[in-house]
């Protein structure tokens, strides 16, 4: 059920910092990476591309209400603070999803954060419980996948049956874990990682769904939360998670695609019709059909840095990002044989002052997602980046105004005056 345990490395090979003066902060008296009591650190899987992090597999209860019951493993990676003994604390990073793995994030985020933050914090990425479970056999990986836009009722029935097969596979392979991969469990898991690392508190940076997870974690363990930075935020209100949020996301992706194509000077509709028609009648190179074009277009609109390569492949106007393409990845959740839970209400009780970061053109998390927690958290400060459409600003697309605001907060807790800061995308 859990991730395969990675090779054990000798303590001498663990990450060690350079000597520095005494630190102040929640972790100043706690052990460094090489002496963490509850995690055996070793090498990382090949998909952790950034050099430097070490990886481990601490065991956690499948059901937190039964701590002595069956266990599963998490997959944390840790990139050590560059300031050595001056380390102030530990930041857990989460990429959202929900369901996104975090092991690959630690080294990437450490490289992108301001230098004073890199010196002061260990960065920990954690693969969520259930991430390694394969739900279906290899036939589901064949390309091209079925067109997500059904032309007939029979096409729609086939897509529903495909989702039902996926849900059955999940139920069969997850075993005891099936009812326990939700927000509440995943919000508690970082506290077990904290204990395994020997830390007294954790800080948290999350993107997309990650801020929801961090907020639930913070409300569950307020005395163990140091700093929190939500970046481009899924609307956490119970009436929006997830159906309402996904509908708004579909509309926002349509708008973001229009931004991209308008900037190219091309009329997207004829190109769109022509390319999708070609993909439906003959898969491009027997590997790319409409489903793959939808995916490629959506991934490109998450981040502008991928667009030159996207355009070079001549598929930059290939996909209308409609609700259909968002329907089928979510459909197995509606069909799994366990009841849905009521989402946790984020009311901000006992949370620290929080800077919220939000781009106005981010299609994955439209601005309404940040407005809701900003209203709910009296101590929050909203940094709005006008015209920014990339998803994950702090680490992946730092605008000029964001690092300045973000650098001071993790190290000394300082927020800009007032409730709001607005700046233009750089």
Protein backbone atom coordinates (compact mmCIF):
# COMPACT_ATOMS: atom_id res chain seq x y z
CA UNK A 1 0.00 0.00 0.00
CA UNK A 2 2.83 2.43 0.75
CA UNK A 3 5.72 3.74 -1.25
CA UNK A 4 8.68 1.38 -1.55
CA UNK A 5 11.20 2.32 1.11
CA UNK A 6 14.24 3.99 -0.40
CA UNK A 7 17.82 2.94 0.31
CA UNK A 8 19.18 3.85 3.71
CA UNK A 9 22.12 6.24 3.79
CA UNK A 10 24.68 6.53 6.55
CA UNK A 11 24.34 9.46 8.91
CA UNK A 12 27.58 10.87 7.55
CA UNK A 13 25.95 11.18 4.14
CA UNK A 14 22.93 13.06 5.44
CA UNK A 15 22.40 16.68 4.65
CA UNK A 16 24.51 18.87 6.93
CA UNK A 17 24.66 22.66 7.05
CA UNK A 18 27.66 24.91 7.40
CA UNK A 19 28.51 26.29 10.81
CA UNK A 20 26.74 29.47 11.79
CA UNK A 21 25.74 31.47 14.81
CA UNK A 22 22.92 30.44 17.13
CA UNK A 23 19.45 30.50 15.64
CA UNK A 24 16.24 31.88 17.06
CA UNK A 25 12.84 30.47 16.21
CA UNK A 26 10.64 27.45 16.85
CA UNK A 27 13.24 24.90 15.73
CA UNK A 28 16.39 26.41 17.18
CA UNK A 29 16.80 23.70 19.84
CA UNK A 30 15.67 20.79 17.69
CA UNK A 31 17.80 18.27 15.84
CA UNK A 32 19.21 18.83 12.37
CA UNK A 33 18.36 16.62 9.41
CA UNK A 34 21.02 14.02 10.04
CA UNK A 35 19.67 13.19 13.50
CA UNK A 36 15.92 13.13 12.89
CA UNK A 37 14.56 10.39 15.17
CA UNK A 38 11.58 9.11 13.19
CA UNK A 39 12.70 9.15 9.55
CA UNK A 40 15.35 7.05 7.83
CA UNK A 41 16.77 9.29 5.11
CA UNK A 42 18.21 8.03 1.86
CA UNK A 43 18.28 8.73 -1.85
CA UNK A 44 15.28 10.06 -3.75
CA UNK A 45 13.36 8.54 -6.68
CA UNK A 46 14.39 9.53 -10.19
CA UNK A 47 11.47 11.95 -10.57
CA UNK A 48 12.94 14.18 -7.84
CA UNK A 49 15.07 16.06 -10.35
CA UNK A 50 16.50 18.81 -8.16
CA UNK A 51 19.83 17.83 -6.57
CA UNK A 52 20.24 17.98 -2.82
CA UNK A 53 17.06 16.70 -1.12
CA UNK A 54 17.02 13.46 0.84
CA UNK A 55 13.94 11.25 0.95
CA UNK A 56 12.35 8.90 3.48
CA UNK A 57 9.18 6.93 4.21
CA UNK A 58 7.75 7.41 7.71
CA UNK A 59 4.78 5.21 8.60
CA UNK A 60 1.47 6.83 9.56
CA UNK A 61 -1.87 5.31 10.63
CA UNK A 62 -4.34 4.63 7.83
CA UNK A 63 -7.07 5.81 10.23
CA UNK A 64 -5.94 8.51 12.65
CA UNK A 65 -8.72 7.41 15.03
CA UNK A 66 -6.92 4.03 15.27
CA UNK A 67 -3.26 4.94 15.77
CA UNK A 68 -2.36 1.30 16.47
CA UNK A 69 -4.24 0.00 13.42
CA UNK A 70 -2.99 -0.59 9.85
CA UNK A 71 -0.31 1.80 8.61
CA UNK A 72 0.65 3.38 5.31
CA UNK A 73 3.70 5.42 4.39
CA UNK A 74 4.21 9.00 3.30
CA UNK A 75 6.98 10.15 0.98
CA UNK A 76 8.71 13.22 2.40
CA UNK A 77 11.73 14.87 0.82
CA UNK A 78 13.83 17.39 2.70
CA UNK A 79 16.08 20.14 1.33
CA UNK A 80 18.10 21.49 4.23
CA UNK A 81 18.40 25.16 5.11
CA UNK A 82 21.57 26.64 3.64
CA UNK A 83 22.30 28.57 6.83
CA UNK A 84 23.15 25.44 8.83
CA UNK A 85 22.86 26.06 12.55
CA UNK A 86 21.09 29.35 11.81
CA UNK A 87 18.04 27.39 10.71
CA UNK A 88 14.89 29.02 12.02
CA UNK A 89 12.26 26.46 11.08
CA UNK A 90 10.75 23.99 8.63
CA UNK A 91 8.40 24.78 5.74
CA UNK A 92 6.13 22.05 4.33
CA UNK A 93 5.20 22.70 0.70
CA UNK A 94 2.14 21.27 -1.04
CA UNK A 95 1.28 21.59 -4.77
CA UNK A 96 -2.46 21.07 -4.42
CA UNK A 97 -4.39 18.82 -6.76
CA UNK A 98 -5.99 17.50 -4.68
CA UNK A 99 -3.81 14.46 -4.98
CA UNK A 100 -0.64 16.14 -6.20
CA UNK A 101 2.55 14.54 -4.92
CA UNK A 102 4.96 16.82 -3.08
CA UNK A 103 8.22 14.86 -2.89
CA UNK A 104 9.54 16.54 -6.04
CA UNK A 105 8.87 20.05 -4.67
CA UNK A 106 11.39 20.50 -1.87
CA UNK A 107 14.50 21.19 -3.95
CA UNK A 108 12.62 23.19 -6.56
CA UNK A 109 10.99 25.48 -4.01
CA UNK A 110 14.21 25.96 -2.05
CA UNK A 111 15.95 27.14 -5.23
CA UNK A 112 13.15 29.59 -6.06
CA UNK A 113 12.62 31.19 -2.63
CA UNK A 114 14.48 34.35 -1.56
CA UNK A 115 17.96 33.74 -0.14
CA UNK A 116 17.10 34.74 3.42
CA UNK A 117 14.31 32.14 3.43
CA UNK A 118 16.61 29.44 2.01
CA UNK A 119 19.11 30.15 4.77
CA UNK A 120 16.49 30.01 7.51
CA UNK A 121 14.27 27.06 6.61
CA UNK A 122 14.42 23.39 5.79
CA UNK A 123 11.96 22.75 2.96
CA UNK A 124 9.90 19.54 3.13
CA UNK A 125 7.73 18.15 0.33
CA UNK A 126 5.39 15.28 1.17
CA UNK A 127 3.75 12.79 -1.18
CA UNK A 128 0.19 12.42 0.02
CA UNK A 129 -1.18 9.15 1.35
CA UNK A 130 -2.46 7.06 -1.52
CA UNK A 131 -0.33 8.74 -4.19
CA UNK A 132 1.50 5.53 -5.20
CA UNK A 133 -1.69 3.49 -5.71
CA UNK A 134 -2.28 2.50 -9.32
CA UNK A 135 -6.02 2.26 -9.91
CA UNK A 136 -6.13 0.60 -13.32
CA UNK A 137 -4.06 -1.63 -15.56
CA UNK A 138 -1.73 -0.52 -18.34
CA UNK A 139 -4.53 -0.45 -20.92
CA UNK A 140 -5.72 2.84 -19.42
CA UNK A 141 -2.38 4.42 -20.37
CA UNK A 142 -2.80 3.72 -24.07
CA UNK A 143 -2.89 6.77 -26.30
CA UNK A 144 -4.80 8.37 -27.75
CA UNK A 145 -7.37 8.26 -24.96
CA UNK A 146 -11.09 8.54 -25.70
CA UNK A 147 -12.31 11.95 -26.81
CA UNK A 148 -13.64 13.65 -23.63
CA UNK A 149 -16.39 15.42 -25.59
CA UNK A 150 -19.04 12.76 -26.33
CA UNK A 151 -20.71 13.06 -29.71
CA UNK A 152 -23.56 10.69 -28.77
CA UNK A 153 -25.28 9.34 -25.69
CA UNK A 154 -23.47 6.06 -26.28
CA UNK A 155 -20.11 7.87 -26.21
CA UNK A 156 -21.06 9.39 -22.87
CA UNK A 157 -22.05 5.98 -21.50
CA UNK A 158 -18.63 4.61 -22.51
CA UNK A 159 -16.87 7.45 -20.70
CA UNK A 160 -18.98 6.88 -17.57
CA UNK A 161 -18.13 3.17 -17.67
CA UNK A 162 -14.44 4.04 -18.01
CA UNK A 163 -14.74 6.22 -14.89
CA UNK A 164 -16.60 3.42 -13.10
CA UNK A 165 -13.78 0.98 -13.95
CA UNK A 166 -11.29 3.45 -12.53
CA UNK A 167 -13.32 3.77 -9.31
CA UNK A 168 -13.57 -0.02 -8.95
CA UNK A 169 -9.82 -0.37 -9.45
CA UNK A 170 -9.21 2.21 -6.76
CA UNK A 171 -11.47 0.37 -4.34
CA UNK A 172 -9.81 -2.99 -5.02
CA UNK A 173 -6.23 -1.75 -4.75
CA UNK A 174 -6.56 0.79 -1.95
CA UNK A 175 -7.91 -1.68 0.61
CA UNK A 176 -8.12 -0.17 4.11
CA UNK A 177 -6.91 3.17 2.76
CA UNK A 178 -9.96 3.79 0.54
CA UNK A 179 -12.05 5.80 3.06
CA UNK A 180 -9.04 7.72 4.38
CA UNK A 181 -7.34 9.82 1.68
CA UNK A 182 -9.39 12.96 2.39
CA UNK A 183 -8.52 16.47 3.51
CA UNK A 184 -8.83 15.70 7.24
CA UNK A 185 -6.34 12.81 7.06
CA UNK A 186 -3.94 14.66 4.80
CA UNK A 187 -4.13 17.71 7.06
CA UNK A 188 -3.12 15.59 10.07
CA UNK A 189 -0.24 13.81 8.32
CA UNK A 190 2.13 16.83 8.33
CA UNK A 191 1.90 16.90 12.12
CA UNK A 192 3.24 13.33 12.20
CA UNK A 193 6.03 14.40 9.84
CA UNK A 194 6.73 17.29 12.22
CA UNK A 195 6.99 14.90 15.15
CA UNK A 196 9.19 12.51 13.16
CA UNK A 197 11.51 15.40 12.30
CA UNK A 198 11.65 16.46 15.94
CA UNK A 199 10.28 19.93 15.23
CA UNK A 200 8.10 21.94 17.57
CA UNK A 201 6.26 23.82 14.81
CA UNK A 202 5.79 23.79 11.04
CA UNK A 203 5.32 26.52 8.48
CA UNK A 204 3.31 25.87 5.33
CA UNK A 205 3.36 27.07 1.70
CA UNK A 206 0.63 25.71 -0.55
CA UNK A 207 -0.69 26.29 -4.04
CA UNK A 208 -4.19 25.69 -5.37
CA UNK A 209 -5.78 23.10 -3.04
CA UNK A 210 -2.66 23.27 -0.85
CA UNK A 211 -3.89 26.36 1.05
CA UNK A 212 -7.11 24.49 1.95
CA UNK A 213 -5.01 21.65 3.30
CA UNK A 214 -2.77 24.06 5.19
CA UNK A 215 -5.72 25.92 6.70
CA UNK A 216 -7.33 22.71 7.96
CA UNK A 217 -3.95 21.65 9.36
CA UNK A 218 -3.58 25.02 11.06
CA UNK A 219 -7.06 24.90 12.58
CA UNK A 220 -6.39 21.35 13.82
CA UNK A 221 -2.98 22.16 15.36
CA UNK A 222 -2.90 25.93 15.95
CA UNK A 223 -0.23 25.69 18.64
CA UNK A 224 2.12 23.96 16.18
CA UNK A 225 1.79 26.38 13.26
CA UNK A 226 4.47 29.00 12.70
CA UNK A 227 3.89 30.72 9.33
CA UNK A 228 1.50 30.10 6.41
CA UNK A 229 1.61 31.39 2.81
CA UNK A 230 -1.37 30.45 0.60
CA UNK A 231 -0.57 31.07 -3.09
CA UNK A 232 -3.34 31.12 -5.74
CA UNK A 233 -6.14 29.53 -3.79
CA UNK A 234 -9.02 27.15 -4.46
CA UNK A 235 -12.21 28.62 -3.01
CA UNK A 236 -12.51 26.72 0.32
CA UNK A 237 -16.16 27.47 1.06
CA UNK A 238 -18.14 24.25 1.61
CA UNK A 239 -20.64 25.16 -1.12
CA UNK A 240 -17.80 25.57 -3.63
CA UNK A 241 -15.60 22.53 -2.95
CA UNK A 242 -15.42 20.99 -5.44
CA UNK A 243 -18.29 21.30 -7.86
CA UNK A 244 -18.64 25.08 -7.86
CA UNK A 245 -14.88 25.60 -7.96
CA UNK A 246 -14.51 23.32 -10.96
CA UNK A 247 -17.25 25.10 -12.89
CA UNK A 248 -15.58 28.47 -12.30
CA UNK A 249 -12.25 26.92 -13.28
CA UNK A 250 -13.69 25.73 -16.60
CA UNK A 251 -14.88 29.24 -17.42
CA UNK A 252 -11.56 30.76 -16.36
CA UNK A 253 -9.57 28.37 -18.56
CA UNK A 254 -11.70 29.44 -21.52
CA UNK A 255 -10.85 33.05 -20.72
CA UNK A 256 -7.16 32.33 -20.29
CA UNK A 257 -7.03 30.51 -23.60
CA UNK A 258 -8.56 33.60 -25.18
CA UNK A 259 -5.80 35.75 -23.60
CA UNK A 260 -3.16 33.54 -25.15
CA UNK A 261 -4.69 33.34 -28.62
CA UNK A 262 -5.60 37.03 -28.77
CA UNK A 263 -1.96 37.85 -28.03
CA UNK A 264 -0.91 35.71 -31.01
CA UNK A 265 -3.11 37.74 -33.35
CA UNK A 266 -4.90 34.65 -34.64
CA UNK A 267 -8.61 33.95 -34.74
CA UNK A 268 -8.78 30.80 -32.63
CA UNK A 269 -12.08 29.38 -33.80
CA UNK A 270 -11.12 28.21 -37.33
CA UNK A 271 -7.82 26.83 -36.04
CA UNK A 272 -9.60 25.11 -33.20
CA UNK A 273 -12.16 23.49 -35.47
CA UNK A 274 -9.54 22.33 -37.96
CA UNK A 275 -7.11 20.81 -35.47
CA UNK A 276 -9.74 19.01 -33.40
CA UNK A 277 -11.38 17.64 -36.54
CA UNK A 278 -8.02 16.29 -37.67
CA UNK A 279 -7.38 14.73 -34.27
CA UNK A 280 -10.80 13.09 -34.25
CA UNK A 281 -10.42 11.54 -37.70
CA UNK A 282 -6.81 10.48 -37.38
CA UNK A 283 -4.72 10.61 -34.21
CA UNK A 284 -1.61 12.70 -34.75
CA UNK A 285 1.31 10.27 -35.01
CA UNK A 286 -1.06 7.65 -33.54
CA UNK A 287 -0.47 9.19 -30.13
CA UNK A 288 -2.30 12.51 -29.86
CA UNK A 289 -6.06 12.74 -30.01
CA UNK A 290 -8.48 15.34 -28.64
CA UNK A 291 -7.95 14.21 -25.03
CA UNK A 292 -4.18 14.71 -25.29
CA UNK A 293 -4.66 18.10 -26.95
CA UNK A 294 -6.95 19.22 -24.14
CA UNK A 295 -4.35 18.14 -21.57
CA UNK A 296 -1.49 19.84 -23.39
CA UNK A 297 -3.39 23.09 -23.75
CA UNK A 298 -4.47 23.10 -20.10
CA UNK A 299 -0.94 22.45 -18.84
CA UNK A 300 0.38 25.23 -21.04
CA UNK A 301 -2.08 27.74 -19.65
CA UNK A 302 -0.93 26.95 -16.09
CA UNK A 303 2.45 28.54 -16.77
CA UNK A 304 3.64 30.95 -19.47
CA UNK A 305 7.16 29.52 -19.50
CA UNK A 306 5.92 26.45 -21.37
CA UNK A 307 4.31 28.41 -24.18
CA UNK A 308 7.25 28.87 -26.59
CA UNK A 309 7.67 25.11 -26.84
CA UNK A 310 3.91 24.71 -27.05
CA UNK A 311 3.70 27.12 -29.98
CA UNK A 312 6.70 25.54 -31.67
CA UNK A 313 4.78 22.28 -31.77
CA UNK A 314 2.02 24.04 -33.71
CA UNK A 315 -0.77 23.06 -31.37
CA UNK A 316 -1.14 26.34 -29.52
CA UNK A 317 -4.78 26.78 -30.58
CA UNK A 318 -5.84 23.20 -30.39
CA UNK A 319 -8.18 22.82 -27.46
CA UNK A 320 -11.33 24.46 -26.12
CA UNK A 321 -10.99 23.94 -22.40
CA UNK A 322 -14.59 23.02 -21.73
CA UNK A 323 -16.29 21.40 -18.81
CA UNK A 324 -16.17 18.00 -20.54
CA UNK A 325 -12.38 17.74 -20.29
CA UNK A 326 -12.63 18.47 -16.56
CA UNK A 327 -15.49 16.04 -16.00
CA UNK A 328 -13.82 12.70 -16.55
CA UNK A 329 -10.78 13.06 -14.25
CA UNK A 330 -13.24 13.85 -11.44
CA UNK A 331 -15.91 11.30 -12.31
CA UNK A 332 -14.32 8.33 -10.47
CA UNK A 333 -14.61 10.28 -7.21
CA UNK A 334 -18.39 10.40 -7.62
CA UNK A 335 -18.50 6.67 -8.33
CA UNK A 336 -16.29 5.28 -5.58
CA UNK A 337 -18.11 3.15 -2.98
CA UNK A 338 -17.61 5.45 0.01
CA UNK A 339 -19.75 8.44 0.97
CA UNK A 340 -18.56 11.99 0.43
CA UNK A 341 -17.84 14.13 3.48
CA UNK A 342 -18.91 17.65 4.25
CA UNK A 343 -15.92 19.95 3.59
CA UNK A 344 -14.31 21.55 6.62
CA UNK A 345 -15.27 25.18 7.06
CA UNK A 346 -12.25 27.49 7.08
CA UNK A 347 -12.97 30.10 9.73
CA UNK A 348 -9.39 31.05 10.57
CA UNK A 349 -9.65 30.51 14.31
CA UNK A 350 -6.24 30.59 15.99
CA UNK A 351 -4.35 30.91 12.68
CA UNK A 352 -1.35 33.27 12.49
CA UNK A 353 -1.34 36.41 10.31
CA UNK A 354 -1.38 35.17 6.72
CA UNK A 355 -0.29 36.75 3.40
CA UNK A 356 -2.50 35.55 0.54
CA UNK A 357 -1.06 35.66 -3.01
CA UNK A 358 -3.40 35.72 -6.01
CA UNK A 359 -3.09 36.43 -9.74
CA UNK A 360 -6.15 37.93 -11.39
CA UNK A 361 -5.93 35.76 -14.54
CA UNK A 362 -5.00 32.41 -13.01
CA UNK A 363 -7.40 29.94 -14.64
CA UNK A 364 -6.81 27.08 -12.22
CA UNK A 365 -7.76 29.17 -9.18
CA UNK A 366 -9.81 32.24 -10.16
CA UNK A 367 -9.59 35.28 -7.83
CA UNK A 368 -12.80 34.45 -5.96
CA UNK A 369 -10.86 31.65 -4.30
CA UNK A 370 -8.63 34.16 -2.49
CA UNK A 371 -11.41 36.59 -1.66
CA UNK A 372 -13.26 34.04 0.47
CA UNK A 373 -10.38 33.26 2.90
CA UNK A 374 -9.38 36.94 2.91
CA UNK A 375 -12.85 37.78 4.21
CA UNK A 376 -12.71 34.90 6.72
CA UNK A 377 -9.24 35.70 8.10
CA UNK A 378 -9.14 39.14 9.76
CA UNK A 379 -5.34 38.96 10.07
CA UNK A 380 -4.76 38.19 6.38
CA UNK A 381 -3.09 40.47 3.84
CA UNK A 382 -4.03 39.90 0.18
CA UNK A 383 -1.32 40.47 -2.45
CA UNK A 384 -3.13 40.76 -5.80
CA UNK A 385 -0.99 40.56 -8.94
CA UNK A 386 -2.90 42.23 -11.76
CA UNK A 387 -2.80 40.40 -15.08
CA UNK A 388 -0.88 37.41 -13.71
CA UNK A 389 -2.22 34.13 -15.07
CA UNK A 390 0.49 31.69 -14.02
CA UNK A 391 -0.42 29.21 -11.31
CA UNK A 392 1.87 29.34 -8.29
CA UNK A 393 3.49 32.77 -8.21
CA UNK A 394 5.85 32.62 -5.24
CA UNK A 395 8.07 29.77 -6.42
CA UNK A 396 7.22 29.33 -10.08
CA UNK A 397 6.67 32.81 -11.51
CA UNK A 398 7.91 35.39 -9.00
CA UNK A 399 6.57 38.85 -9.79
CA UNK A 400 8.52 41.84 -8.57
CA UNK A 401 6.19 42.66 -5.69
CA UNK A 402 5.84 39.12 -4.35
CA UNK A 403 9.39 38.18 -3.23
CA UNK A 404 9.73 41.44 -1.31
CA UNK A 405 6.53 40.72 0.57
CA UNK A 406 7.29 37.03 1.00
CA UNK A 407 10.90 37.32 2.15
CA UNK A 408 10.24 39.24 5.34
CA UNK A 409 7.22 37.27 6.46
CA UNK A 410 8.76 33.77 6.89
CA UNK A 411 11.80 35.11 8.71
CA UNK A 412 10.32 37.78 10.98
CA UNK A 413 6.53 37.55 10.55
CA UNK A 414 6.22 41.01 9.03
CA UNK A 415 3.27 41.76 6.75
CA UNK A 416 2.73 44.90 4.70
CA UNK A 417 0.53 47.53 6.32
CA UNK A 418 -3.18 47.39 5.67
CA UNK A 419 -5.28 44.61 4.28
CA UNK A 420 -4.29 44.68 0.61
CA UNK A 421 -1.37 45.18 -1.76
CA UNK A 422 -1.86 45.40 -5.52
CA UNK A 423 0.84 45.29 -8.18
CA UNK A 424 1.19 44.65 -11.91
CA UNK A 425 2.51 41.35 -13.24
CA UNK A 426 6.13 41.68 -14.33
